[in-house]
Amino acid sequence: MFAIIVTGGKQYKVNEGDIIFVEKLGVAEGEEVKFENVLAISNENGFVAGAPYVSGASVTAKVVRNGKAKKIYVMKYKAKKNEKKKIGHRQPYTKIQIEKIEG
């Protein structure tokens, strides 16, 4: 049984028990979050695709951790102008564990 959910502008294929990293959610660690935007669901009754979402389907997950990814560096440089700038960025994320797929 799997589902395809949308969160943070991205789509994720999830099974029960999966642990995934998604864009930061405003939820504290240990709390549950429910995803209503389910694009497709596959279970013992077959595969159902939504138009655009499957009605009555939802995915429940538990927030394991909120954190930041590794730092990446971006270098801006203009030739012949003696101009350069080094910028660092750490993307925030939420680590969730899928508990239940309904629908």
N, C-alpha and C. Protein backbone atom coordinates (compact mmCIF):
# COMPACT_ATOMS: atom_id res chain seq x y z
N MET A 1 0.85 -1.18 0.00
CA MET A 1 0.00 0.00 0.00
C MET A 1 0.89 1.23 0.00
N PHE A 2 0.65 2.14 -0.95
CA PHE A 2 1.41 3.38 -1.00
C PHE A 2 0.49 4.52 -1.40
N ALA A 3 0.99 5.74 -1.18
CA ALA A 3 0.27 6.94 -1.57
C ALA A 3 1.26 7.96 -2.10
N ILE A 4 0.77 8.88 -2.92
CA ILE A 4 1.58 9.98 -3.42
C ILE A 4 0.99 11.25 -2.84
N ILE A 5 1.80 11.96 -2.03
CA ILE A 5 1.32 13.17 -1.35
C ILE A 5 2.07 14.39 -1.87
N VAL A 6 1.47 15.56 -1.61
CA VAL A 6 2.08 16.83 -1.99
C VAL A 6 2.29 17.65 -0.73
N THR A 7 3.53 18.10 -0.52
CA THR A 7 3.83 19.01 0.57
C THR A 7 5.07 19.82 0.20
N GLY A 8 5.02 21.10 0.49
CA GLY A 8 6.16 21.97 0.18
C GLY A 8 6.42 22.12 -1.30
N GLY A 9 5.40 21.93 -2.13
CA GLY A 9 5.57 22.07 -3.57
C GLY A 9 6.22 20.86 -4.22
N LYS A 10 6.41 19.78 -3.47
CA LYS A 10 7.02 18.57 -4.01
C LYS A 10 6.10 17.38 -3.79
N GLN A 11 6.31 16.34 -4.59
CA GLN A 11 5.50 15.13 -4.48
C GLN A 11 6.37 14.00 -3.93
N TYR A 12 5.78 13.20 -3.03
CA TYR A 12 6.50 12.11 -2.39
C TYR A 12 5.67 10.84 -2.47
N LYS A 13 6.31 9.73 -2.85
CA LYS A 13 5.66 8.42 -2.81
C LYS A 13 6.01 7.80 -1.46
N VAL A 14 4.99 7.48 -0.66
CA VAL A 14 5.23 7.01 0.71
C VAL A 14 4.50 5.71 0.98
N ASN A 15 5.11 4.88 1.82
CA ASN A 15 4.51 3.66 2.35
C ASN A 15 4.40 3.83 3.86
N GLU A 16 3.60 3.00 4.51
CA GLU A 16 3.51 3.06 5.96
C GLU A 16 4.85 2.65 6.56
N GLY A 17 5.32 3.44 7.52
CA GLY A 17 6.60 3.17 8.16
C GLY A 17 7.78 3.89 7.54
N ASP A 18 7.60 4.52 6.39
CA ASP A 18 8.69 5.25 5.75
C ASP A 18 9.08 6.47 6.56
N ILE A 19 10.37 6.82 6.50
CA ILE A 19 10.88 8.05 7.10
C ILE A 19 11.40 8.90 5.96
N ILE A 20 10.85 10.13 5.83
CA ILE A 20 11.24 11.01 4.73
C ILE A 20 11.56 12.40 5.26
N PHE A 21 12.32 13.15 4.48
CA PHE A 21 12.65 14.53 4.78
C PHE A 21 11.82 15.42 3.85
N VAL A 22 11.05 16.34 4.43
CA VAL A 22 10.22 17.25 3.64
C VAL A 22 10.60 18.69 3.99
N GLU A 23 10.08 19.62 3.22
CA GLU A 23 10.30 21.03 3.53
C GLU A 23 9.76 21.33 4.92
N LYS A 24 10.33 22.31 5.58
CA LYS A 24 10.00 22.59 6.97
C LYS A 24 8.50 22.83 7.16
N LEU A 25 7.94 22.10 8.14
CA LEU A 25 6.55 22.27 8.54
C LEU A 25 6.54 23.00 9.89
N GLY A 26 5.53 23.77 10.17
CA GLY A 26 5.45 24.48 11.43
C GLY A 26 4.87 23.62 12.54
N VAL A 27 5.43 22.44 12.74
CA VAL A 27 4.92 21.48 13.72
C VAL A 27 6.07 21.07 14.64
N ALA A 28 5.80 20.98 15.94
CA ALA A 28 6.84 20.60 16.90
C ALA A 28 7.14 19.11 16.82
N GLU A 29 8.31 18.74 17.34
CA GLU A 29 8.72 17.33 17.34
C GLU A 29 7.78 16.51 18.22
N GLY A 30 7.45 15.31 17.76
CA GLY A 30 6.58 14.41 18.51
C GLY A 30 5.10 14.57 18.18
N GLU A 31 4.72 15.63 17.50
CA GLU A 31 3.31 15.84 17.14
C GLU A 31 2.99 15.13 15.83
N GLU A 32 1.69 14.99 15.58
CA GLU A 32 1.24 14.38 14.33
C GLU A 32 0.82 15.44 13.34
N VAL A 33 1.01 15.12 12.07
CA VAL A 33 0.59 16.01 10.99
C VAL A 33 -0.19 15.16 9.99
N LYS A 34 -1.24 15.75 9.42
CA LYS A 34 -2.10 15.03 8.49
C LYS A 34 -2.02 15.70 7.12
N PHE A 35 -1.72 14.92 6.10
CA PHE A 35 -1.64 15.42 4.73
C PHE A 35 -2.93 15.06 4.01
N GLU A 36 -3.67 16.08 3.58
CA GLU A 36 -4.94 15.88 2.88
C GLU A 36 -4.76 15.86 1.36
N ASN A 37 -3.64 16.43 0.87
CA ASN A 37 -3.39 16.49 -0.56
C ASN A 37 -2.77 15.18 -1.04
N VAL A 38 -3.61 14.20 -1.34
CA VAL A 38 -3.16 12.89 -1.81
C VAL A 38 -3.49 12.80 -3.30
N LEU A 39 -2.45 12.69 -4.12
CA LEU A 39 -2.65 12.63 -5.57
C LEU A 39 -3.11 11.26 -6.04
N ALA A 40 -2.58 10.21 -5.42
CA ALA A 40 -2.93 8.85 -5.81
C ALA A 40 -2.76 7.93 -4.61
N ILE A 41 -3.49 6.82 -4.64
CA ILE A 41 -3.40 5.85 -3.55
C ILE A 41 -3.55 4.45 -4.14
N SER A 42 -2.76 3.54 -3.62
CA SER A 42 -2.84 2.15 -4.05
C SER A 42 -3.00 1.28 -2.81
N ASN A 43 -4.05 0.45 -2.80
CA ASN A 43 -4.29 -0.44 -1.66
C ASN A 43 -4.80 -1.78 -2.19
N GLU A 44 -5.37 -2.59 -1.31
CA GLU A 44 -5.83 -3.92 -1.72
C GLU A 44 -6.98 -3.86 -2.73
N ASN A 45 -7.67 -2.72 -2.81
CA ASN A 45 -8.78 -2.57 -3.76
C ASN A 45 -8.31 -2.13 -5.14
N GLY A 46 -7.04 -1.77 -5.27
CA GLY A 46 -6.52 -1.32 -6.55
C GLY A 46 -5.92 0.07 -6.46
N PHE A 47 -5.67 0.65 -7.63
CA PHE A 47 -5.05 1.96 -7.72
C PHE A 47 -6.10 3.01 -8.02
N VAL A 48 -6.05 4.14 -7.29
CA VAL A 48 -6.99 5.25 -7.52
C VAL A 48 -6.18 6.52 -7.70
N ALA A 49 -6.40 7.20 -8.82
CA ALA A 49 -5.75 8.49 -9.08
C ALA A 49 -6.77 9.59 -8.92
N GLY A 50 -6.37 10.68 -8.32
CA GLY A 50 -7.29 11.80 -8.09
C GLY A 50 -7.32 12.75 -9.26
N ALA A 51 -8.28 13.67 -9.20
CA ALA A 51 -8.40 14.69 -10.23
C ALA A 51 -8.71 16.03 -9.58
N PRO A 52 -7.80 16.78 -8.99
CA PRO A 52 -6.38 16.48 -8.83
C PRO A 52 -6.07 15.65 -7.57
N TYR A 53 -6.97 15.64 -6.58
CA TYR A 53 -6.71 14.89 -5.35
C TYR A 53 -7.76 13.80 -5.14
N VAL A 54 -7.39 12.77 -4.41
CA VAL A 54 -8.32 11.69 -4.09
C VAL A 54 -9.19 12.16 -2.92
N SER A 55 -10.51 12.13 -3.11
CA SER A 55 -11.41 12.61 -2.06
C SER A 55 -11.48 11.57 -0.93
N GLY A 56 -11.41 12.06 0.29
CA GLY A 56 -11.50 11.20 1.46
C GLY A 56 -10.20 10.50 1.84
N ALA A 57 -9.15 10.73 1.09
CA ALA A 57 -7.86 10.08 1.40
C ALA A 57 -7.00 11.03 2.21
N SER A 58 -6.23 10.46 3.13
CA SER A 58 -5.30 11.26 3.92
C SER A 58 -4.15 10.38 4.39
N VAL A 59 -3.05 11.02 4.72
CA VAL A 59 -1.86 10.34 5.23
C VAL A 59 -1.49 11.00 6.55
N THR A 60 -1.34 10.18 7.59
CA THR A 60 -0.97 10.68 8.91
C THR A 60 0.49 10.35 9.17
N ALA A 61 1.23 11.34 9.68
CA ALA A 61 2.65 11.15 9.95
C ALA A 61 3.01 11.76 11.29
N LYS A 62 4.10 11.29 11.86
CA LYS A 62 4.61 11.80 13.13
C LYS A 62 5.91 12.53 12.86
N VAL A 63 6.06 13.73 13.43
CA VAL A 63 7.28 14.51 13.25
C VAL A 63 8.37 13.93 14.14
N VAL A 64 9.46 13.49 13.52
CA VAL A 64 10.57 12.91 14.25
C VAL A 64 11.55 14.00 14.67
N ARG A 65 11.83 14.93 13.74
CA ARG A 65 12.85 15.93 14.01
C ARG A 65 12.70 17.12 13.08
N ASN A 66 13.02 18.31 13.59
CA ASN A 66 13.17 19.51 12.77
C ASN A 66 14.65 19.86 12.78
N GLY A 67 15.18 20.23 11.63
CA GLY A 67 16.61 20.54 11.58
C GLY A 67 16.98 21.30 10.34
N LYS A 68 18.29 21.38 10.10
CA LYS A 68 18.82 22.04 8.92
C LYS A 68 19.76 21.09 8.19
N ALA A 69 19.78 21.18 6.88
CA ALA A 69 20.65 20.35 6.06
C ALA A 69 22.07 20.88 6.12
N LYS A 70 22.99 20.18 5.46
CA LYS A 70 24.38 20.64 5.41
C LYS A 70 24.46 21.97 4.69
N LYS A 71 25.46 22.74 5.04
CA LYS A 71 25.64 24.05 4.42
C LYS A 71 26.19 23.89 3.01
N ILE A 72 25.59 24.65 2.09
CA ILE A 72 26.13 24.72 0.73
C ILE A 72 26.64 26.13 0.53
N TYR A 73 27.61 26.27 -0.33
CA TYR A 73 28.21 27.58 -0.59
C TYR A 73 27.91 27.97 -2.03
N VAL A 74 27.56 29.24 -2.21
CA VAL A 74 27.29 29.80 -3.52
C VAL A 74 28.27 30.95 -3.72
N MET A 75 28.94 30.94 -4.85
CA MET A 75 29.94 31.97 -5.13
C MET A 75 29.45 32.85 -6.27
N LYS A 76 29.35 34.15 -6.02
CA LYS A 76 29.02 35.10 -7.08
C LYS A 76 30.31 35.79 -7.50
N TYR A 77 30.52 35.88 -8.80
CA TYR A 77 31.79 36.39 -9.31
C TYR A 77 31.55 37.16 -10.60
N LYS A 78 32.17 38.33 -10.70
CA LYS A 78 32.11 39.11 -11.93
C LYS A 78 33.52 39.30 -12.45
N ALA A 79 33.73 38.84 -13.66
CA ALA A 79 35.06 38.88 -14.25
C ALA A 79 35.51 40.32 -14.50
N LYS A 80 36.78 40.56 -14.31
CA LYS A 80 37.45 41.83 -14.61
C LYS A 80 36.94 42.99 -13.76
N LYS A 81 36.17 42.73 -12.71
CA LYS A 81 35.64 43.80 -11.86
C LYS A 81 36.17 43.69 -10.43
N ASN A 82 36.97 42.65 -10.14
CA ASN A 82 37.47 42.38 -8.79
C ASN A 82 36.30 42.31 -7.80
N GLU A 83 35.25 41.61 -8.23
CA GLU A 83 34.03 41.52 -7.43
C GLU A 83 33.67 40.05 -7.24
N LYS A 84 33.64 39.62 -5.99
CA LYS A 84 33.21 38.26 -5.68
C LYS A 84 32.55 38.25 -4.31
N LYS A 85 31.63 37.29 -4.15
CA LYS A 85 30.87 37.21 -2.90
C LYS A 85 30.58 35.74 -2.62
N LYS A 86 30.89 35.31 -1.41
CA LYS A 86 30.65 33.92 -1.00
C LYS A 86 29.47 33.91 -0.04
N ILE A 87 28.45 33.10 -0.38
CA ILE A 87 27.22 33.04 0.40
C ILE A 87 26.99 31.59 0.82
N GLY A 88 26.62 31.38 2.07
CA GLY A 88 26.28 30.05 2.55
C GLY A 88 24.79 29.94 2.79
N HIS A 89 24.25 28.71 2.68
CA HIS A 89 22.81 28.49 2.89
C HIS A 89 22.59 27.11 3.51
N ARG A 90 21.71 27.05 4.53
CA ARG A 90 21.31 25.77 5.13
C ARG A 90 19.79 25.67 5.03
N GLN A 91 19.34 24.69 4.28
CA GLN A 91 17.90 24.51 4.06
C GLN A 91 17.26 23.83 5.27
N PRO A 92 16.22 24.44 5.86
CA PRO A 92 15.52 23.77 6.97
C PRO A 92 14.65 22.62 6.46
N TYR A 93 14.52 21.57 7.28
CA TYR A 93 13.72 20.41 6.89
C TYR A 93 12.97 19.88 8.10
N THR A 94 12.01 19.01 7.83
CA THR A 94 11.29 18.27 8.86
C THR A 94 11.38 16.80 8.49
N LYS A 95 11.83 16.00 9.43
CA LYS A 95 11.93 14.55 9.24
C LYS A 95 10.66 13.93 9.80
N ILE A 96 9.92 13.21 8.95
CA ILE A 96 8.63 12.63 9.39
C ILE A 96 8.63 11.13 9.15
N GLN A 97 7.82 10.43 9.97
CA GLN A 97 7.61 9.00 9.79
C GLN A 97 6.14 8.78 9.47
N ILE A 98 5.87 8.09 8.36
CA ILE A 98 4.50 7.83 7.93
C ILE A 98 3.91 6.75 8.83
N GLU A 99 2.75 7.06 9.45
CA GLU A 99 2.12 6.11 10.35
C GLU A 99 0.93 5.40 9.74
N LYS A 100 0.07 6.15 9.03
CA LYS A 100 -1.16 5.55 8.54
C LYS A 100 -1.56 6.18 7.22
N ILE A 101 -2.00 5.34 6.27
CA ILE A 101 -2.55 5.80 5.00
C ILE A 101 -4.02 5.40 4.98
N GLU A 102 -4.89 6.40 4.83
CA GLU A 102 -6.33 6.15 4.81
C GLU A 102 -6.90 6.53 3.46
N GLY A 103 -7.90 5.78 3.01
CA GLY A 103 -8.54 6.18 1.78
C GLY A 103 -9.03 5.03 0.96
